[in-house]
C-alpha atoms as a PDB file:
ATOM      1  CA  MET A   1       0.000   0.000   0.000  1.00  0.00           C
ATOM      2  CA  LYS A   2       1.560   3.288  -1.156  1.00  0.00           C
ATOM      3  CA  PHE A   3       1.078   6.642   0.611  1.00  0.00           C
ATOM      4  CA  SER A   4       0.901   8.592  -2.668  1.00  0.00           C
ATOM      5  CA  LYS A   5      -1.979   6.445  -3.923  1.00  0.00           C
ATOM      6  CA  TYR A   6      -3.693   6.634  -0.535  1.00  0.00           C
ATOM      7  CA  ILE A   7      -3.541  10.453  -0.645  1.00  0.00           C
ATOM      8  CA  LYS A   8      -4.809  10.467  -4.228  1.00  0.00           C
ATOM      9  CA  ASP A   9      -7.711   8.223  -3.230  1.00  0.00           C
ATOM     10  CA  ASN A  10      -8.612  10.574  -0.331  1.00  0.00           C
ATOM     11  CA  TYR A  11      -8.048  13.902  -2.063  1.00  0.00           C
ATOM     12  CA  LEU A  12     -11.706  14.976  -1.636  1.00  0.00           C
ATOM     13  CA  THR A  13     -11.420  14.491   2.129  1.00  0.00           C
ATOM     14  CA  LEU A  14      -8.238  16.575   2.165  1.00  0.00           C
ATOM     15  CA  LEU A  15      -9.936  19.317   0.144  1.00  0.00           C
ATOM     16  CA  LEU A  16     -12.826  19.309   2.619  1.00  0.00           C
ATOM     17  CA  PHE A  17     -10.410  19.616   5.580  1.00  0.00           C
ATOM     18  CA  SER A  18      -8.617  22.473   3.816  1.00  0.00           C
ATOM     19  CA  PHE A  19     -11.932  24.208   3.149  1.00  0.00           C
ATOM     20  CA  ILE A  20     -13.030  23.852   6.807  1.00  0.00           C
ATOM     21  CA  ILE A  21      -9.678  25.231   8.065  1.00  0.00           C
ATOM     22  CA  ALA A  22     -10.022  28.154   5.659  1.00  0.00           C
ATOM     23  CA  ILE A  23     -13.583  28.869   6.925  1.00  0.00           C
ATOM     24  CA  ILE A  24     -12.393  28.773  10.558  1.00  0.00           C
ATOM     25  CA  GLU A  25      -9.576  31.180   9.744  1.00  0.00           C
ATOM     26  CA  LEU A  26     -11.990  33.586   8.010  1.00  0.00           C
ATOM     27  CA  ILE A  27     -14.305  33.516  11.026  1.00  0.00           C
ATOM     28  CA  LEU A  28     -11.397  34.253  13.362  1.00  0.00           C
ATOM     29  CA  ILE A  29     -10.279  37.128  11.121  1.00  0.00           C
ATOM     30  CA  THR A  30     -13.850  38.485  10.945  1.00  0.00           C
ATOM     31  CA  PHE A  31     -14.044  38.612  14.733  1.00  0.00           C
ATOM     32  CA  GLU A  32     -10.622  40.346  14.782  1.00  0.00           C
ATOM     33  CA  THR A  33      -9.026  37.539  16.750  1.00  0.00           C
ATOM     34  CA  ASN A  34      -5.405  37.903  17.787  1.00  0.00           C
ATOM     35  CA  LYS A  35      -3.060  37.256  14.845  1.00  0.00           C
ATOM     36  CA  GLN A  36      -0.972  34.768  16.807  1.00  0.00           C
ATOM     37  CA  ALA A  37      -4.119  32.862  17.802  1.00  0.00           C
ATOM     38  CA  ILE A  38      -5.201  32.675  14.174  1.00  0.00           C
ATOM     39  CA  ILE A  39      -1.804  31.287  13.162  1.00  0.00           C
ATOM     40  CA  GLY A  40      -1.805  28.883  16.132  1.00  0.00           C
ATOM     41  CA  VAL A  41      -5.246  27.523  15.238  1.00  0.00           C
ATOM     42  CA  ALA A  42      -4.190  27.080  11.605  1.00  0.00           C
ATOM     43  CA  ILE A  43      -0.983  25.221  12.543  1.00  0.00           C
ATOM     44  CA  THR A  44      -2.804  23.042  15.097  1.00  0.00           C
ATOM     45  CA  ALA A  45      -5.521  22.152  12.578  1.00  0.00           C
ATOM     46  CA  ILE A  46      -2.978  21.296   9.875  1.00  0.00           C
ATOM     47  CA  ILE A  47      -0.866  19.170  12.254  1.00  0.00           C
ATOM     48  CA  GLY A  48      -3.986  17.426  13.515  1.00  0.00           C
ATOM     49  CA  CYS A  49      -5.074  16.697   9.965  1.00  0.00           C
ATOM     50  CA  ILE A  50      -1.635  15.347   9.015  1.00  0.00           C
ATOM     51  CA  VAL A  51      -1.397  13.145  12.146  1.00  0.00           C
ATOM     52  CA  GLY A  52      -4.890  11.802  11.537  1.00  0.00           C
ATOM     53  CA  ILE A  53      -4.127  10.952   7.911  1.00  0.00           C
ATOM     54  CA  VAL A  54      -0.765   9.297   8.735  1.00  0.00           C
ATOM     55  CA  TYR A  55      -2.261   7.283  11.617  1.00  0.00           C
ATOM     56  CA  ASN A  56      -5.173   6.100   9.500  1.00  0.00           C
ATOM     57  CA  PHE A  57      -2.816   5.239   6.617  1.00  0.00           C
ATOM     58  CA  GLU A  58      -0.408   3.265   8.845  1.00  0.00           C
ATOM     59  CA  ARG A  59      -2.994   0.970  10.399  1.00  0.00           C
ATOM     60  CA  LYS A  60      -4.553   0.293   7.005  1.00  0.00           C
ATOM     61  CA  ARG A  61      -1.134  -0.210   5.383  1.00  0.00           C
ATOM     62  CA  LYS A  62      -0.155  -2.758   8.028  1.00  0.00           C
ATOM     63  CA  PHE A  63      -3.332  -4.785   7.442  1.00  0.00           C
ATOM     64  CA  TYR A  64      -3.399  -4.631   3.639  1.00  0.00           C
ATOM     65  CA  ASN A  65       0.332  -5.306   3.182  1.00  0.00           C
ATOM     66  CA  LYS A  66       0.108  -8.401   5.401  1.00  0.00           C
ATOM     67  CA  PHE A  67      -3.052  -9.434   3.551  1.00  0.00           C
ATOM     68  CA  LEU A  68      -1.373  -9.165   0.129  1.00  0.00           C
ATOM     69  CA  ASN A  69       1.871 -10.845   1.264  1.00  0.00           C
ATOM     70  CA  ASP A  70       0.025 -13.777   2.832  1.00  0.00           C
ATOM     71  CA  LEU A  71      -2.144 -14.107  -0.269  1.00  0.00           C
ATOM     72  CA  ASP A  72       0.920 -14.186  -2.498  1.00  0.00           C
ATOM     73  CA  LEU A  73       2.520 -16.962  -0.414  1.00  0.00           C
ATOM     74  CA  LEU A  74      -0.563 -19.182  -0.401  1.00  0.00           C
ATOM     75  CA  ASP A  75      -1.088 -21.841  -3.067  1.00  0.00           C
ATOM     76  CA  LYS A  76      -4.712 -22.216  -1.987  1.00  0.00           C
ATOM     77  CA  LYS A  77      -5.854 -18.599  -1.957  1.00  0.00           C
ATOM     78  CA  TYR A  78      -9.173 -19.394  -0.289  1.00  0.00           C
ATOM     79  CA  LEU A  79      -7.304 -20.112   2.987  1.00  0.00           C
ATOM     80  CA  ILE A  80      -6.437 -16.419   3.368  1.00  0.00           C
ATOM     81  CA  THR A  81      -9.070 -15.955   6.092  1.00  0.00           C
ATOM     82  CA  GLU A  82      -7.086 -18.392   8.259  1.00  0.00           C
ATOM     83  CA  MET A  83      -3.942 -16.266   7.890  1.00  0.00           C
ATOM     84  CA  ILE A  84      -5.147 -12.738   8.658  1.00  0.00           C
ATOM     85  CA  GLU A  85      -6.370 -11.147  11.889  1.00  0.00           C
ATOM     86  CA  LYS A  86      -9.523  -9.081  12.034  1.00  0.00           C
ATOM     87  CA  PRO A  87      -8.518  -5.396  11.535  1.00  0.00           C
ATOM     88  CA  ASP A  88      -9.397  -2.559  13.930  1.00  0.00           C
ATOM     89  CA  PHE A  89     -10.844  -0.167  11.321  1.00  0.00           C
ATOM     90  CA  TYR A  90     -14.382  -0.228   9.981  1.00  0.00           C
ATOM     91  CA  GLU A  91     -13.730  -0.780   6.254  1.00  0.00           C
ATOM     92  CA  GLY A  92     -11.291  -3.599   7.045  1.00  0.00           C
ATOM     93  CA  LYS A  93     -13.846  -5.308   9.247  1.00  0.00           C
ATOM     94  CA  ILE A  94     -16.376  -5.198   6.413  1.00  0.00           C
ATOM     95  CA  ILE A  95     -13.846  -6.798   4.025  1.00  0.00           C
ATOM     96  CA  TYR A  96     -12.818  -9.405   6.620  1.00  0.00           C
ATOM     97  CA  ASP A  97     -16.423 -10.413   7.365  1.00  0.00           C
ATOM     98  CA  ALA A  98     -17.276 -10.521   3.656  1.00  0.00           C
ATOM     99  CA  LEU A  99     -14.248 -12.748   2.924  1.00  0.00           C
ATOM    100  CA  TYR A 100     -15.232 -15.058   5.784  1.00  0.00           C
ATOM    101  CA  GLU A 101     -18.782 -15.442   4.434  1.00  0.00           C
ATOM    102  CA  ILE A 102     -17.525 -15.988   0.874  1.00  0.00           C
ATOM    103  CA  ASP A 103     -15.010 -18.591   2.075  1.00  0.00           C
ATOM    104  CA  LYS A 104     -17.636 -20.350   4.193  1.00  0.00           C
ATOM    105  CA  SER A 105     -20.051 -20.478   1.260  1.00  0.00           C
ATOM    106  CA  MET A 106     -17.357 -21.831  -1.052  1.00  0.00           C
ATOM    107  CA  VAL A 107     -16.319 -24.563   1.432  1.00  0.00           C
ATOM    108  CA  GLU A 108     -19.932 -25.671   1.806  1.00  0.00           C
ATOM    109  CA  ARG A 109     -20.377 -25.759  -1.967  1.00  0.00           C
ATOM    110  CA  ILE A 110     -17.153 -27.730  -2.458  1.00  0.00           C
ATOM    111  CA  LYS A 111     -18.247 -30.196   0.220  1.00  0.00           C
ATOM    112  CA  GLU A 112     -21.557 -30.768  -1.593  1.00  0.00           C
ATOM    113  CA  TYR A 113     -19.702 -31.162  -4.895  1.00  0.00           C
ATOM    114  CA  SER A 114     -17.146 -33.566  -3.364  1.00  0.00           C
ATOM    115  CA  LEU A 115     -19.871 -35.742  -1.859  1.00  0.00           C
ATOM    116  CA  SER A 116     -21.646 -35.810  -5.221  1.00  0.00           C
ATOM    117  CA  ILE A 117     -18.435 -36.817  -7.028  1.00  0.00           C
ATOM    118  CA  ALA A 118     -17.675 -39.462  -4.385  1.00  0.00           C
ATOM    119  CA  ASP A 119     -21.141 -40.973  -4.839  1.00  0.00           C
ATOM    120  CA  PHE A 120     -20.706 -40.981  -8.612  1.00  0.00           C
ATOM    121  CA  LYS A 121     -17.273 -42.651  -8.371  1.00  0.00           C
ATOM    122  CA  GLU A 122     -18.658 -45.277  -6.013  1.00  0.00           C
ATOM    123  CA  TYR A 123     -21.458 -45.999  -8.484  1.00  0.00           C
ATOM    124  CA  ILE A 124     -18.993 -46.242 -11.401  1.00  0.00           C
ATOM    125  CA  GLU A 125     -16.787 -48.684  -9.453  1.00  0.00           C
ATOM    126  CA  LEU A 126     -19.788 -50.876  -8.613  1.00  0.00           C
ATOM    127  CA  TRP A 127     -20.991 -50.734 -12.222  1.00  0.00           C
ATOM    128  CA  ILE A 128     -17.553 -51.707 -13.545  1.00  0.00           C
ATOM    129  CA  HIS A 129     -17.371 -54.710 -11.225  1.00  0.00           C
ATOM    130  CA  GLU A 130     -20.816 -55.771 -12.414  1.00  0.00           C
ATOM    131  CA  VAL A 131     -19.854 -55.391 -16.081  1.00  0.00           C
ATOM    132  CA  LYS A 132     -16.651 -57.377 -15.645  1.00  0.00           C
ATOM    133  CA  LEU A 133     -18.609 -60.472 -14.567  1.00  0.00           C
ATOM    134  CA  PRO A 134     -20.397 -61.036 -17.917  1.00  0.00           C
ATOM    135  CA  LEU A 135     -17.199 -60.131 -19.760  1.00  0.00           C
ATOM    136  CA  ALA A 136     -15.316 -62.812 -17.840  1.00  0.00           C
ATOM    137  CA  SER A 137     -18.137 -65.273 -18.524  1.00  0.00           C
ATOM    138  CA  MET A 138     -18.038 -64.579 -22.273  1.00  0.00           C
ATOM    139  CA  ASN A 139     -14.278 -65.047 -22.366  1.00  0.00           C
ATOM    140  CA  LEU A 140     -14.638 -68.356 -20.509  1.00  0.00           C
ATOM    141  CA  ILE A 141     -17.341 -69.537 -22.926  1.00  0.00           C
ATOM    142  CA  LEU A 142     -15.175 -68.710 -25.938  1.00  0.00           C
ATOM    143  CA  HIS A 143     -12.198 -70.446 -24.345  1.00  0.00           C
ATOM    144  CA  ASN A 144     -14.170 -73.611 -23.624  1.00  0.00           C
ATOM    145  CA  HIS A 145     -16.030 -73.643 -26.950  1.00  0.00           C
ATOM    146  CA  LYS A 146     -13.455 -73.060 -29.647  1.00  0.00           C
ATOM    147  CA  GLU A 147     -16.063 -73.623 -32.356  1.00  0.00           C
ATOM    148  CA  LEU A 148     -17.758 -70.394 -31.210  1.00  0.00           C
ATOM    149  CA  SER A 149     -14.492 -68.493 -31.051  1.00  0.00           C
ATOM    150  CA  ASP A 150     -13.715 -65.816 -33.589  1.00  0.00           C
ATOM    151  CA  LYS A 151     -10.591 -63.656 -33.743  1.00  0.00           C
ATOM    152  CA  LYS A 152     -12.544 -60.425 -34.105  1.00  0.00           C
ATOM    153  CA  VAL A 153     -14.877 -61.314 -31.233  1.00  0.00           C
ATOM    154  CA  VAL A 154     -11.911 -62.138 -28.963  1.00  0.00           C
ATOM    155  CA  GLU A 155     -10.201 -58.879 -29.897  1.00  0.00           C
ATOM    156  CA  GLN A 156     -13.313 -56.817 -29.212  1.00  0.00           C
ATOM    157  CA  LEU A 157     -13.906 -58.524 -25.864  1.00  0.00           C
ATOM    158  CA  LYS A 158     -10.296 -57.841 -24.905  1.00  0.00           C
ATOM    159  CA  ARG A 159     -10.701 -54.215 -25.932  1.00  0.00           C
ATOM    160  CA  ILE A 160     -13.890 -53.827 -23.857  1.00  0.00           C
ATOM    161  CA  ASP A 161     -12.236 -55.462 -20.859  1.00  0.00           C
ATOM    162  CA  ASP A 162      -9.181 -53.171 -21.128  1.00  0.00           C
ATOM    163  CA  ASP A 163     -11.333 -50.059 -21.519  1.00  0.00           C
ATOM    164  CA  VAL A 164     -13.504 -50.982 -18.540  1.00  0.00           C
ATOM    165  CA  GLU A 165     -10.417 -51.612 -16.391  1.00  0.00           C
ATOM    166  CA  GLN A 166      -8.925 -48.314 -17.564  1.00  0.00           C
ATOM    167  CA  VAL A 167     -12.034 -46.448 -16.393  1.00  0.00           C
ATOM    168  CA  LEU A 168     -11.833 -48.193 -13.008  1.00  0.00           C
ATOM    169  CA  TYR A 169      -8.217 -47.203 -12.435  1.00  0.00           C
ATOM    170  CA  TYR A 170      -8.819 -43.669 -13.686  1.00  0.00           C
ATOM    171  CA  VAL A 171     -11.667 -43.243 -11.185  1.00  0.00           C
ATOM    172  CA  ARG A 172      -9.409 -44.532  -8.408  1.00  0.00           C
ATOM    173  CA  SER A 173      -6.256 -42.672  -9.459  1.00  0.00           C
ATOM    174  CA  GLU A 174      -7.116 -39.458  -7.587  1.00  0.00           C
ATOM    175  CA  ASN A 175      -7.173 -41.348  -4.293  1.00  0.00           C
ATOM    176  CA  ALA A 176      -4.807 -44.194  -5.162  1.00  0.00           C
ATOM    177  CA  GLU A 177      -3.108 -44.076  -1.753  1.00  0.00           C
ATOM    178  CA  LYS A 178      -6.301 -45.474  -0.178  1.00  0.00           C
ATOM    179  CA  ASP A 179      -6.192 -48.555  -2.369  1.00  0.00           C
ATOM    180  CA  TYR A 180      -2.560 -49.631  -2.722  1.00  0.00           C
ATOM    181  CA  LEU A 181      -0.206 -51.541  -0.445  1.00  0.00           C
ATOM    182  CA  ILE A 182       3.530 -51.099  -0.960  1.00  0.00           C
ATOM    183  CA  LYS A 183       5.462 -54.301  -0.346  1.00  0.00           C
ATOM    184  CA  GLU A 184       8.251 -56.371  -1.887  1.00  0.00           C
ATOM    185  CA  THR A 185       6.897 -57.672  -5.201  1.00  0.00           C
ATOM    186  CA  GLU A 186       8.354 -60.195  -7.624  1.00  0.00           C
ATOM    187  CA  LEU A 187       8.439 -58.698 -11.123  1.00  0.00           C
ATOM    188  CA  LYS A 188       8.288 -62.091 -12.835  1.00  0.00           C
ATOM    189  CA  LYS A 189       4.947 -62.889 -11.205  1.00  0.00           C
ATOM    190  CA  VAL A 190       3.390 -59.544 -12.161  1.00  0.00           C
ATOM    191  CA  ILE A 191       4.599 -59.819 -15.773  1.00  0.00           C
ATOM    192  CA  SER A 192       3.352 -63.423 -15.923  1.00  0.00           C
ATOM    193  CA  ASN A 193      -0.156 -62.220 -15.027  1.00  0.00           C
ATOM    194  CA  VAL A 194       0.045 -59.616 -17.805  1.00  0.00           C
ATOM    195  CA  ALA A 195       1.195 -62.281 -20.300  1.00  0.00           C
ATOM    196  CA  ILE A 196      -1.711 -64.568 -19.364  1.00  0.00           C
ATOM    197  CA  LYS A 197      -4.179 -61.713 -19.729  1.00  0.00           C
ATOM    198  CA  ASN A 198      -2.851 -60.947 -23.236  1.00  0.00           C
ATOM    199  CA  LYS A 199      -2.057 -64.536 -24.271  1.00  0.00           C
ATOM    200  CA  ASP A 200      -4.742 -64.941 -26.945  1.00  0.00           C
ATOM    201  CA  ILE A 201      -4.146 -61.633 -28.667  1.00  0.00           C
ATOM    202  CA  LEU A 202      -0.350 -62.126 -28.570  1.00  0.00           C
ATOM    203  CA  LEU A 203      -0.707 -65.511 -30.256  1.00  0.00           C
ATOM    204  CA  GLU A 204      -3.208 -64.274 -32.828  1.00  0.00           C
ATOM    205  CA  ASN A 205      -0.907 -61.399 -33.827  1.00  0.00           C
ATOM    206  CA  ASN A 206       2.238 -63.594 -33.803  1.00  0.00           C
ATOM    207  CA  ILE A 207       3.970 -61.363 -31.284  1.00  0.00           C
ATOM    208  CA  ASN A 208       6.976 -62.854 -29.481  1.00  0.00           C
ATOM    209  CA  PHE A 209       6.843 -61.993 -25.784  1.00  0.00           C
ATOM    210  CA  GLU A 210      10.305 -62.159 -24.197  1.00  0.00           C
ATOM    211  CA  VAL A 211      10.905 -61.672 -20.481  1.00  0.00           C
ATOM    212  CA  GLU A 212      14.335 -61.470 -18.841  1.00  0.00           C
ATOM    213  CA  VAL A 213      13.853 -60.190 -15.291  1.00  0.00           C
ATOM    214  CA  GLY A 214      15.195 -63.105 -13.243  1.00  0.00           C
ATOM    215  CA  ASP A 215      14.069 -63.145  -9.616  1.00  0.00           C
ATOM    216  CA  THR A 216      14.213 -59.370  -9.211  1.00  0.00           C
ATOM    217  CA  LYS A 217      11.915 -57.873  -6.609  1.00  0.00           C
ATOM    218  CA  VAL A 218      10.835 -54.252  -6.177  1.00  0.00           C
ATOM    219  CA  PHE A 219       8.812 -52.273  -3.673  1.00  0.00           C
ATOM    220  CA  THR A 220       5.432 -51.457  -5.193  1.00  0.00           C
ATOM    221  CA  ASP A 221       1.791 -52.490  -5.240  1.00  0.00           C
ATOM    222  CA  SER A 222       1.472 -55.608  -7.405  1.00  0.00           C
ATOM    223  CA  LYS A 223      -2.097 -54.884  -8.534  1.00  0.00           C
ATOM    224  CA  TRP A 224      -1.335 -51.322  -9.622  1.00  0.00           C
ATOM    225  CA  LEU A 225       1.940 -52.340 -11.276  1.00  0.00           C
ATOM    226  CA  GLU A 226       0.138 -55.091 -13.198  1.00  0.00           C
ATOM    227  CA  PHE A 227      -2.287 -52.505 -14.571  1.00  0.00           C
ATOM    228  CA  ILE A 228       0.613 -50.174 -15.507  1.00  0.00           C
ATOM    229  CA  ILE A 229       2.550 -52.897 -17.358  1.00  0.00           C
ATOM    230  CA  ASN A 230      -0.625 -54.175 -19.009  1.00  0.00           C
ATOM    231  CA  GLN A 231      -1.378 -50.707 -20.396  1.00  0.00           C
ATOM    232  CA  ILE A 232       2.120 -50.448 -21.855  1.00  0.00           C
ATOM    233  CA  VAL A 233       1.970 -53.964 -23.332  1.00  0.00           C
ATOM    234  CA  SER A 234      -1.504 -53.246 -24.762  1.00  0.00           C
ATOM    235  CA  ASN A 235      -0.059 -50.198 -26.518  1.00  0.00           C
ATOM    236  CA  SER A 236       2.770 -52.332 -27.914  1.00  0.00           C
ATOM    237  CA  ILE A 237       0.202 -54.778 -29.297  1.00  0.00           C
ATOM    238  CA  LYS A 238      -1.993 -52.004 -30.651  1.00  0.00           C
ATOM    239  CA  TYR A 239       0.814 -50.230 -32.503  1.00  0.00           C
ATOM    240  CA  VAL A 240       2.549 -53.152 -34.259  1.00  0.00           C
ATOM    241  CA  ARG A 241       4.410 -52.417 -37.470  1.00  0.00           C
ATOM    242  CA  ASP A 242       3.398 -54.068 -40.768  1.00  0.00           C
ATOM    243  CA  ASN A 243       5.817 -56.361 -42.602  1.00  0.00           C
ATOM    244  CA  ALA A 244       7.983 -57.021 -39.565  1.00  0.00           C
ATOM    245  CA  GLU A 245       8.554 -59.799 -37.068  1.00  0.00           C
ATOM    246  CA  HIS A 246       6.713 -58.516 -34.017  1.00  0.00           C
ATOM    247  CA  TYR A 247       8.177 -58.781 -30.549  1.00  0.00           C
ATOM    248  CA  ILE A 248       7.946 -57.273 -27.074  1.00  0.00           C
ATOM    249  CA  LYS A 249      10.926 -57.622 -24.769  1.00  0.00           C
ATOM    250  CA  ILE A 250      10.928 -56.904 -21.038  1.00  0.00           C
ATOM    251  CA  THR A 251      14.281 -56.612 -19.268  1.00  0.00           C
ATOM    252  CA  ILE A 252      15.789 -54.971 -16.189  1.00  0.00           C
ATOM    253  CA  GLU A 253      18.809 -52.858 -15.363  1.00  0.00           C
ATOM    254  CA  GLU A 254      19.994 -52.644 -11.778  1.00  0.00           C
ATOM    255  CA  ASN A 255      22.430 -50.534  -9.770  1.00  0.00           C
ATOM    256  CA  ASN A 256      23.034 -49.780  -6.105  1.00  0.00           C
ATOM    257  CA  LYS A 257      20.027 -47.514  -5.731  1.00  0.00           C
ATOM    258  CA  ASN A 258      17.541 -48.348  -8.486  1.00  0.00           C
ATOM    259  CA  VAL A 259      15.910 -51.100 -10.506  1.00  0.00           C
ATOM    260  CA  ILE A 260      14.823 -50.063 -14.010  1.00  0.00           C
ATOM    261  CA  LEU A 261      12.198 -52.127 -15.810  1.00  0.00           C
ATOM    262  CA  LYS A 262      12.392 -51.695 -19.594  1.00  0.00           C
ATOM    263  CA  ILE A 263       9.546 -52.641 -21.941  1.00  0.00           C
ATOM    264  CA  TYR A 264      10.740 -52.609 -25.553  1.00  0.00           C
ATOM    265  CA  ASP A 265       8.794 -53.227 -28.768  1.00  0.00           C
ATOM    266  CA  ASN A 266       9.615 -52.931 -32.472  1.00  0.00           C
ATOM    267  CA  GLY A 267       6.292 -51.311 -33.388  1.00  0.00           C
ATOM    268  CA  ILE A 268       5.516 -48.169 -35.350  1.00  0.00           C
ATOM    269  CA  GLY A 269       7.205 -45.957 -32.757  1.00  0.00           C
ATOM    270  CA  ILE A 270       6.346 -42.374 -31.851  1.00  0.00           C
ATOM    271  CA  ALA A 271       7.004 -39.244 -33.886  1.00  0.00           C
ATOM    272  CA  LYS A 272       9.715 -36.980 -32.484  1.00  0.00           C
ATOM    273  CA  SER A 273       7.238 -34.089 -32.301  1.00  0.00           C
ATOM    274  CA  ASP A 274       4.878 -36.183 -30.133  1.00  0.00           C
ATOM    275  CA  ILE A 275       7.295 -37.881 -27.731  1.00  0.00           C
ATOM    276  CA  HIS A 276       7.136 -35.148 -25.042  1.00  0.00           C
ATOM    277  CA  LYS A 277       3.320 -35.128 -25.080  1.00  0.00           C
ATOM    278  CA  VAL A 278       2.502 -38.853 -24.813  1.00  0.00           C
ATOM    279  CA  PHE A 279       1.738 -38.629 -21.071  1.00  0.00           C
ATOM    280  CA  ASP A 280      -0.650 -35.698 -21.559  1.00  0.00           C
ATOM    281  CA  LYS A 281      -4.329 -36.335 -20.968  1.00  0.00           C
ATOM    282  CA  THR A 282      -6.266 -37.344 -24.160  1.00  0.00           C
ATOM    283  CA  PHE A 283      -3.225 -36.737 -26.391  1.00  0.00           C
ATOM    284  CA  THR A 284      -3.191 -39.207 -29.313  1.00  0.00           C
ATOM    285  CA  GLY A 285      -0.815 -37.495 -31.746  1.00  0.00           C
ATOM    286  CA  LYS A 286       0.187 -38.854 -35.122  1.00  0.00           C
ATOM    287  CA  ASN A 287      -0.453 -42.493 -34.139  1.00  0.00           C
ATOM    288  CA  GLY A 288      -3.971 -41.603 -33.037  1.00  0.00           C
ATOM    289  CA  ARG A 289      -4.845 -40.889 -36.658  1.00  0.00           C
ATOM    290  CA  LYS A 290      -3.576 -44.328 -37.668  1.00  0.00           C
ATOM    291  CA  VAL A 291      -5.336 -46.346 -34.949  1.00  0.00           C
ATOM    292  CA  GLU A 292      -8.963 -45.402 -34.358  1.00  0.00           C
ATOM    293  CA  THR A 293      -9.064 -47.024 -30.894  1.00  0.00           C
ATOM    294  CA  SER A 294      -6.548 -44.546 -29.459  1.00  0.00           C
ATOM    295  CA  THR A 295      -7.953 -42.473 -26.581  1.00  0.00           C
ATOM    296  CA  GLY A 296      -4.842 -40.834 -25.163  1.00  0.00           C
ATOM    297  CA  MET A 297      -5.826 -41.898 -21.639  1.00  0.00           C
ATOM    298  CA  GLY A 298      -3.733 -45.050 -21.082  1.00  0.00           C
ATOM    299  CA  LEU A 299      -0.311 -43.453 -20.650  1.00  0.00           C
ATOM    300  CA  TYR A 300      -1.819 -40.494 -18.817  1.00  0.00           C
ATOM    301  CA  ILE A 301      -3.265 -42.820 -16.145  1.00  0.00           C
ATOM    302  CA  VAL A 302      -0.006 -44.822 -16.067  1.00  0.00           C
ATOM    303  CA  LYS A 303       1.946 -41.606 -15.390  1.00  0.00           C
ATOM    304  CA  GLN A 304      -0.405 -40.583 -12.587  1.00  0.00           C
ATOM    305  CA  LEU A 305      -0.229 -43.991 -10.908  1.00  0.00           C
ATOM    306  CA  CYS A 306       3.574 -44.128 -11.155  1.00  0.00           C
ATOM    307  CA  LYS A 307       3.704 -40.715  -9.525  1.00  0.00           C
ATOM    308  CA  LYS A 308       1.448 -41.888  -6.688  1.00  0.00           C
ATOM    309  CA  LEU A 309       3.545 -45.023  -6.177  1.00  0.00           C
ATOM    310  CA  GLY A 310       6.805 -43.065  -6.184  1.00  0.00           C
ATOM    311  CA  HIS A 311       8.093 -44.559  -9.446  1.00  0.00           C
ATOM    312  CA  LYS A 312       9.547 -42.614 -12.347  1.00  0.00           C
ATOM    313  CA  ILE A 313       8.454 -43.422 -15.890  1.00  0.00           C
ATOM    314  CA  THR A 314      10.114 -42.285 -19.123  1.00  0.00           C
ATOM    315  CA  ILE A 315       9.681 -43.148 -22.785  1.00  0.00           C
ATOM    316  CA  ASP A 316      12.110 -43.274 -25.696  1.00  0.00           C
ATOM    317  CA  SER A 317      11.145 -43.981 -29.280  1.00  0.00           C
ATOM    318  CA  GLU A 318      12.040 -43.649 -32.932  1.00  0.00           C
ATOM    319  CA  GLU A 319       9.350 -43.604 -35.577  1.00  0.00           C
ATOM    320  CA  ASN A 320       8.997 -46.858 -37.561  1.00  0.00           C
ATOM    321  CA  LYS A 321      11.684 -48.528 -35.421  1.00  0.00           C
ATOM    322  CA  TYR A 322      10.971 -48.979 -31.713  1.00  0.00           C
ATOM    323  CA  THR A 323       9.461 -47.749 -28.458  1.00  0.00           C
ATOM    324  CA  GLU A 324      10.996 -48.322 -25.032  1.00  0.00           C
ATOM    325  CA  VAL A 325       9.234 -47.475 -21.784  1.00  0.00           C
ATOM    326  CA  SER A 326      11.340 -47.403 -18.606  1.00  0.00           C
ATOM    327  CA  ILE A 327       9.970 -47.597 -15.056  1.00  0.00           C
ATOM    328  CA  LEU A 328      12.432 -46.728 -12.287  1.00  0.00           C
ATOM    329  CA  PHE A 329      11.963 -48.288  -8.828  1.00  0.00           C
ATOM    330  CA  GLY A 330      13.958 -47.015  -5.874  1.00  0.00           C
ATOM    331  CA  LYS A 331      15.555 -49.614  -3.602  1.00  0.00           C
ATOM    332  CA  ASN A 332      14.672 -49.696   0.080  1.00  0.00           C
ATOM    333  CA  ASP A 333      18.031 -49.561   1.885  1.00  0.00           C
ATOM    334  CA  PHE A 334      16.461 -50.029   5.318  1.00  0.00           C
ATOM    335  CA  TYR A 335      14.720 -53.214   4.244  1.00  0.00           C
ATOM    336  CA  GLU A 336      17.885 -54.609   2.685  1.00  0.00           C
ATOM    337  CA  VAL A 337      19.945 -53.928   5.824  1.00  0.00           C
ATOM    338  CA  ARG A 338      17.379 -55.593   8.079  1.00  0.00           C
ATOM    339  CA  ASN A 339      17.217 -58.669   5.853  1.00  0.00           C
ATOM    340  CA  LYS A 340      20.983 -59.286   5.458  1.00  0.00           C
END
């Protein structure tokens, strides 16, 4: 709060004070008051006016400067009412009370909205679980009755199942910490579950699925990691390259502090202009125009889940050659020391 702007904002008040002082002086002169008394009254009035203005400015400046500084430091601006004290001047009290009422109204509205969203998410989760039952039944029927099986039907069922699961994990991703359990997990077992889930479509598309992870274990949630790897493998299957021997290879690199899981495929790759956007929500890029089933949500959800789990995910690719996704797991030194 600047004094020059404060004076400019109150110039009418200052003009009124000046006018009143001038009137008082004229009255004193009219009644032939002592010259020294006239001067004394004028000086006293001017000093009183100046002191009043400075005092009023200082207490307002202290409040507004603190208000603006606290507001600037806050990420969540609506918490400003928790940071400031109620001022001792009338206009400030009006602003403080108004902010409190606005904040209270907003909190109540957000609470209503949050409860509504929570109810909707709960319904979606229940619906997804219900839908997955008939999908599992249809897959079992096709598996047991090969004469009814058709490549296109199997592919479409797999696509529906993947999309339904993707919705489930997207709904849960905002509050993933309530659903996961971090513990030592064997990578081979998780990848084996992914291979079984994609077995039919891998065979039908003649895709070699190579896994070289040994007995490596990492700290993660097995269920969430299975979804993450499945999304990446599904992309590898979806974006195979024509006139090439198709393969997906999963390997690990390990050092003193990290384990890096690498998922490599020799598919159509990703354009250089798109590589930095692949984790963006709904981004499909150049490949999205080639494959109609692209939604741009898979890698976005994968990125969010990795972030929640404390893993780092990166992607490297060259168009018409390869794509390699790397997931970095930090080692737990405390656990290793205790188990030596």
